[in-house]
Amino acid sequence: MDAKQPTTKKRGRPPGRKTETADAGTVTASRCGKCHSTKRSPYRNSRTIEATGCDPVNQLPFNKIMLRECNCAECGQRRIDRTWLFE
C-alpha cells in the first residue's frame, strides 16, 4: 500500500488576512393569525409549489413557495407557514 506523503502546504487562513463578514438576510418570523404568537410546534408535511412572482413581504422575486404545516404553541391554532424561495 502507498503511504501518505506529508504535505508542506499550510492549512487555514493566510497570516494577516481578516475574517470576512457574511451578508445578513432578512427573515420575518411567522405569527399565529389568532393570538399573534411566534411560538410554534415542529414543522410537518412540508411541500413545495413551483410558482413565480414577487414576495409580498420583502418584494423579492421567487420561483418556489414552500408550505409547512404547524400548530401555534400558545393557542393550538393550525396554520400553514409560507416561505418564498428563489433557487
N, C-alpha and C. Protein backbone atom coordinates (compact mmCIF):
# COMPACT_ATOMS: atom_id res chain seq x y z
N MET A 1 0.83 -1.17 0.00
CA MET A 1 0.00 0.00 0.00
C MET A 1 0.88 1.25 0.00
N ASP A 2 0.34 2.30 -0.58
CA ASP A 2 1.06 3.57 -0.63
C ASP A 2 0.86 4.32 0.69
N ALA A 3 1.95 4.77 1.24
CA ALA A 3 1.89 5.57 2.45
C ALA A 3 1.61 7.02 2.05
N LYS A 4 0.83 7.71 2.85
CA LYS A 4 0.52 9.11 2.54
C LYS A 4 1.75 9.96 2.79
N GLN A 5 2.03 10.82 1.84
CA GLN A 5 3.17 11.73 1.95
C GLN A 5 2.75 12.94 2.79
N PRO A 6 3.58 13.37 3.73
CA PRO A 6 3.23 14.56 4.49
C PRO A 6 3.27 15.78 3.57
N THR A 7 2.30 16.66 3.76
CA THR A 7 2.24 17.85 2.92
C THR A 7 2.92 19.02 3.62
N THR A 8 3.48 19.89 2.82
CA THR A 8 4.14 21.07 3.37
C THR A 8 3.22 22.29 3.28
N LYS A 9 2.08 22.11 2.65
CA LYS A 9 1.15 23.21 2.48
C LYS A 9 0.43 23.48 3.81
N LYS A 10 0.45 24.75 4.22
CA LYS A 10 -0.21 25.12 5.47
C LYS A 10 -1.71 25.23 5.25
N ARG A 11 -2.46 24.89 6.27
CA ARG A 11 -3.91 24.96 6.19
C ARG A 11 -4.41 26.20 6.90
N GLY A 12 -5.65 26.58 6.57
CA GLY A 12 -6.28 27.69 7.26
C GLY A 12 -6.12 29.02 6.54
N ARG A 13 -6.52 30.04 7.23
CA ARG A 13 -6.48 31.39 6.67
C ARG A 13 -5.04 31.90 6.64
N PRO A 14 -4.64 32.56 5.57
CA PRO A 14 -3.28 33.10 5.48
C PRO A 14 -3.02 34.14 6.56
N PRO A 15 -1.78 34.28 7.01
CA PRO A 15 -1.46 35.26 8.04
C PRO A 15 -1.79 36.68 7.57
N GLY A 16 -2.36 37.47 8.46
CA GLY A 16 -2.67 38.85 8.14
C GLY A 16 -4.02 39.05 7.47
N ARG A 17 -4.68 38.00 7.07
CA ARG A 17 -5.98 38.12 6.41
C ARG A 17 -7.07 38.22 7.47
N LYS A 18 -7.97 39.15 7.31
CA LYS A 18 -9.02 39.37 8.29
C LYS A 18 -10.23 38.48 8.00
N THR A 19 -11.02 38.25 9.03
CA THR A 19 -12.25 37.48 8.88
C THR A 19 -13.26 38.30 8.10
N GLU A 20 -13.88 37.70 7.11
CA GLU A 20 -14.88 38.39 6.30
C GLU A 20 -16.25 38.18 6.92
N THR A 21 -17.04 39.23 6.92
CA THR A 21 -18.39 39.11 7.44
C THR A 21 -19.34 38.72 6.32
N ALA A 22 -20.31 37.90 6.66
CA ALA A 22 -21.31 37.46 5.68
C ALA A 22 -22.48 38.43 5.68
N ASP A 23 -23.14 38.54 4.53
CA ASP A 23 -24.32 39.39 4.42
C ASP A 23 -25.45 38.78 5.24
N ALA A 24 -26.16 39.62 5.97
CA ALA A 24 -27.29 39.16 6.76
C ALA A 24 -28.54 39.15 5.90
N GLY A 25 -29.31 38.11 6.00
CA GLY A 25 -30.56 38.02 5.25
C GLY A 25 -31.72 38.58 6.05
N THR A 26 -32.80 38.86 5.36
CA THR A 26 -33.99 39.37 6.03
C THR A 26 -34.95 38.21 6.24
N VAL A 27 -35.25 37.91 7.50
CA VAL A 27 -36.17 36.83 7.82
C VAL A 27 -37.24 37.38 8.75
N THR A 28 -38.49 37.14 8.41
CA THR A 28 -39.60 37.57 9.24
C THR A 28 -40.18 36.34 9.91
N ALA A 29 -40.27 36.36 11.23
CA ALA A 29 -40.83 35.23 11.96
C ALA A 29 -42.32 35.11 11.66
N SER A 30 -42.78 33.88 11.44
CA SER A 30 -44.20 33.68 11.17
C SER A 30 -44.98 33.83 12.47
N ARG A 31 -46.19 34.35 12.35
CA ARG A 31 -47.02 34.60 13.53
C ARG A 31 -48.37 33.90 13.37
N CYS A 32 -48.93 33.56 14.50
CA CYS A 32 -50.26 32.98 14.54
C CYS A 32 -51.26 34.07 14.16
N GLY A 33 -52.23 33.74 13.32
CA GLY A 33 -53.24 34.71 12.93
C GLY A 33 -54.25 35.00 14.03
N LYS A 34 -54.33 34.11 15.00
CA LYS A 34 -55.32 34.26 16.07
C LYS A 34 -54.75 35.03 17.27
N CYS A 35 -53.57 34.60 17.80
CA CYS A 35 -53.02 35.24 19.00
C CYS A 35 -51.73 36.01 18.73
N HIS A 36 -51.21 35.95 17.50
CA HIS A 36 -50.01 36.67 17.05
C HIS A 36 -48.72 36.21 17.73
N SER A 37 -48.71 35.00 18.26
CA SER A 37 -47.51 34.44 18.88
C SER A 37 -46.58 33.90 17.80
N THR A 38 -45.26 33.93 18.04
CA THR A 38 -44.29 33.36 17.10
C THR A 38 -43.88 31.95 17.51
N LYS A 39 -44.36 31.46 18.66
CA LYS A 39 -44.03 30.10 19.10
C LYS A 39 -44.88 29.12 18.32
N ARG A 40 -44.25 28.00 17.94
CA ARG A 40 -44.96 27.02 17.12
C ARG A 40 -44.46 25.61 17.42
N SER A 41 -45.21 24.62 16.95
CA SER A 41 -44.78 23.22 17.03
C SER A 41 -43.80 22.96 15.88
N PRO A 42 -43.14 21.80 15.89
CA PRO A 42 -42.25 21.48 14.76
C PRO A 42 -43.04 21.41 13.45
N TYR A 43 -42.36 21.74 12.35
CA TYR A 43 -43.00 21.68 11.04
C TYR A 43 -43.28 20.24 10.66
N ARG A 44 -44.35 20.04 9.88
CA ARG A 44 -44.70 18.72 9.35
C ARG A 44 -45.33 18.92 7.97
N ASN A 45 -45.35 17.87 7.18
CA ASN A 45 -45.97 17.89 5.84
C ASN A 45 -45.47 19.05 4.98
N SER A 46 -44.17 19.16 4.85
CA SER A 46 -43.59 20.21 4.02
C SER A 46 -43.77 19.86 2.55
N ARG A 47 -44.14 20.86 1.76
CA ARG A 47 -44.28 20.66 0.30
C ARG A 47 -43.88 21.94 -0.41
N THR A 48 -43.50 21.79 -1.67
CA THR A 48 -43.04 22.93 -2.46
C THR A 48 -43.88 23.05 -3.72
N ILE A 49 -44.25 24.27 -4.05
CA ILE A 49 -45.05 24.56 -5.24
C ILE A 49 -44.20 25.41 -6.18
N GLU A 50 -44.19 25.04 -7.47
CA GLU A 50 -43.50 25.84 -8.48
C GLU A 50 -44.38 27.03 -8.84
N ALA A 51 -43.89 28.23 -8.62
CA ALA A 51 -44.63 29.45 -8.95
C ALA A 51 -43.62 30.58 -9.12
N THR A 52 -44.01 31.61 -9.82
CA THR A 52 -43.13 32.77 -9.99
C THR A 52 -43.88 34.02 -9.59
N GLY A 53 -43.14 35.00 -9.15
CA GLY A 53 -43.75 36.26 -8.76
C GLY A 53 -42.82 37.06 -7.88
N CYS A 54 -43.43 37.93 -7.07
CA CYS A 54 -42.67 38.81 -6.19
C CYS A 54 -43.15 38.56 -4.76
N ASP A 55 -42.22 38.34 -3.85
CA ASP A 55 -42.50 38.08 -2.43
C ASP A 55 -43.30 39.25 -1.85
N PRO A 56 -44.49 39.00 -1.28
CA PRO A 56 -45.30 40.11 -0.77
C PRO A 56 -44.71 40.78 0.47
N VAL A 57 -43.80 40.12 1.17
CA VAL A 57 -43.22 40.69 2.40
C VAL A 57 -41.99 41.53 2.08
N ASN A 58 -41.01 40.95 1.36
CA ASN A 58 -39.73 41.63 1.11
C ASN A 58 -39.60 42.20 -0.29
N GLN A 59 -40.61 42.00 -1.14
CA GLN A 59 -40.59 42.49 -2.53
C GLN A 59 -39.42 41.92 -3.33
N LEU A 60 -39.07 40.64 -3.08
CA LEU A 60 -38.02 39.96 -3.82
C LEU A 60 -38.63 38.92 -4.75
N PRO A 61 -38.00 38.65 -5.90
CA PRO A 61 -38.55 37.65 -6.81
C PRO A 61 -38.43 36.25 -6.22
N PHE A 62 -39.38 35.36 -6.59
CA PHE A 62 -39.31 33.97 -6.15
C PHE A 62 -39.73 33.07 -7.30
N ASN A 63 -39.33 31.78 -7.22
CA ASN A 63 -39.77 30.81 -8.21
C ASN A 63 -40.35 29.54 -7.57
N LYS A 64 -40.37 29.51 -6.23
CA LYS A 64 -40.98 28.39 -5.50
C LYS A 64 -41.60 28.92 -4.22
N ILE A 65 -42.65 28.24 -3.77
CA ILE A 65 -43.26 28.54 -2.48
C ILE A 65 -43.21 27.27 -1.64
N MET A 66 -42.61 27.35 -0.45
CA MET A 66 -42.56 26.21 0.45
C MET A 66 -43.67 26.36 1.48
N LEU A 67 -44.53 25.35 1.58
CA LEU A 67 -45.63 25.35 2.53
C LEU A 67 -45.32 24.33 3.63
N ARG A 68 -45.40 24.76 4.89
CA ARG A 68 -45.10 23.88 6.02
C ARG A 68 -46.20 24.03 7.07
N GLU A 69 -46.77 22.90 7.48
CA GLU A 69 -47.84 22.92 8.47
C GLU A 69 -47.25 22.89 9.87
N CYS A 70 -47.92 23.58 10.81
CA CYS A 70 -47.54 23.56 12.21
C CYS A 70 -48.74 24.02 13.04
N ASN A 71 -48.61 23.97 14.35
CA ASN A 71 -49.62 24.47 15.27
C ASN A 71 -49.01 25.57 16.12
N CYS A 72 -49.82 26.52 16.53
CA CYS A 72 -49.37 27.56 17.44
C CYS A 72 -49.17 26.92 18.81
N ALA A 73 -48.06 27.21 19.47
CA ALA A 73 -47.77 26.63 20.79
C ALA A 73 -48.59 27.31 21.88
N GLU A 74 -49.08 28.51 21.64
CA GLU A 74 -49.84 29.25 22.65
C GLU A 74 -51.32 28.87 22.65
N CYS A 75 -51.96 28.93 21.46
CA CYS A 75 -53.41 28.70 21.41
C CYS A 75 -53.82 27.42 20.69
N GLY A 76 -52.88 26.74 20.01
CA GLY A 76 -53.18 25.48 19.33
C GLY A 76 -53.75 25.63 17.93
N GLN A 77 -53.86 26.84 17.43
CA GLN A 77 -54.39 27.09 16.09
C GLN A 77 -53.51 26.44 15.04
N ARG A 78 -54.13 25.69 14.09
CA ARG A 78 -53.37 25.12 12.97
C ARG A 78 -53.06 26.23 11.99
N ARG A 79 -51.85 26.18 11.39
CA ARG A 79 -51.51 27.16 10.38
C ARG A 79 -50.54 26.56 9.38
N ILE A 80 -50.45 27.20 8.23
CA ILE A 80 -49.52 26.80 7.19
C ILE A 80 -48.59 27.98 6.95
N ASP A 81 -47.31 27.79 7.26
CA ASP A 81 -46.32 28.85 7.04
C ASP A 81 -45.84 28.79 5.60
N ARG A 82 -45.77 29.94 4.95
CA ARG A 82 -45.32 30.04 3.57
C ARG A 82 -43.96 30.71 3.54
N THR A 83 -43.05 30.13 2.75
CA THR A 83 -41.72 30.71 2.55
C THR A 83 -41.51 30.83 1.05
N TRP A 84 -41.19 32.03 0.59
CA TRP A 84 -40.97 32.28 -0.83
C TRP A 84 -39.48 32.11 -1.11
N LEU A 85 -39.15 31.23 -2.07
CA LEU A 85 -37.75 30.86 -2.35
C LEU A 85 -37.38 31.26 -3.78
N PHE A 86 -36.12 31.63 -3.94
CA PHE A 86 -35.57 31.86 -5.27
C PHE A 86 -34.36 30.94 -5.41
N GLU A 87 -34.50 29.91 -6.21
CA GLU A 87 -33.41 28.92 -6.40
C GLU A 87 -32.98 28.88 -7.83
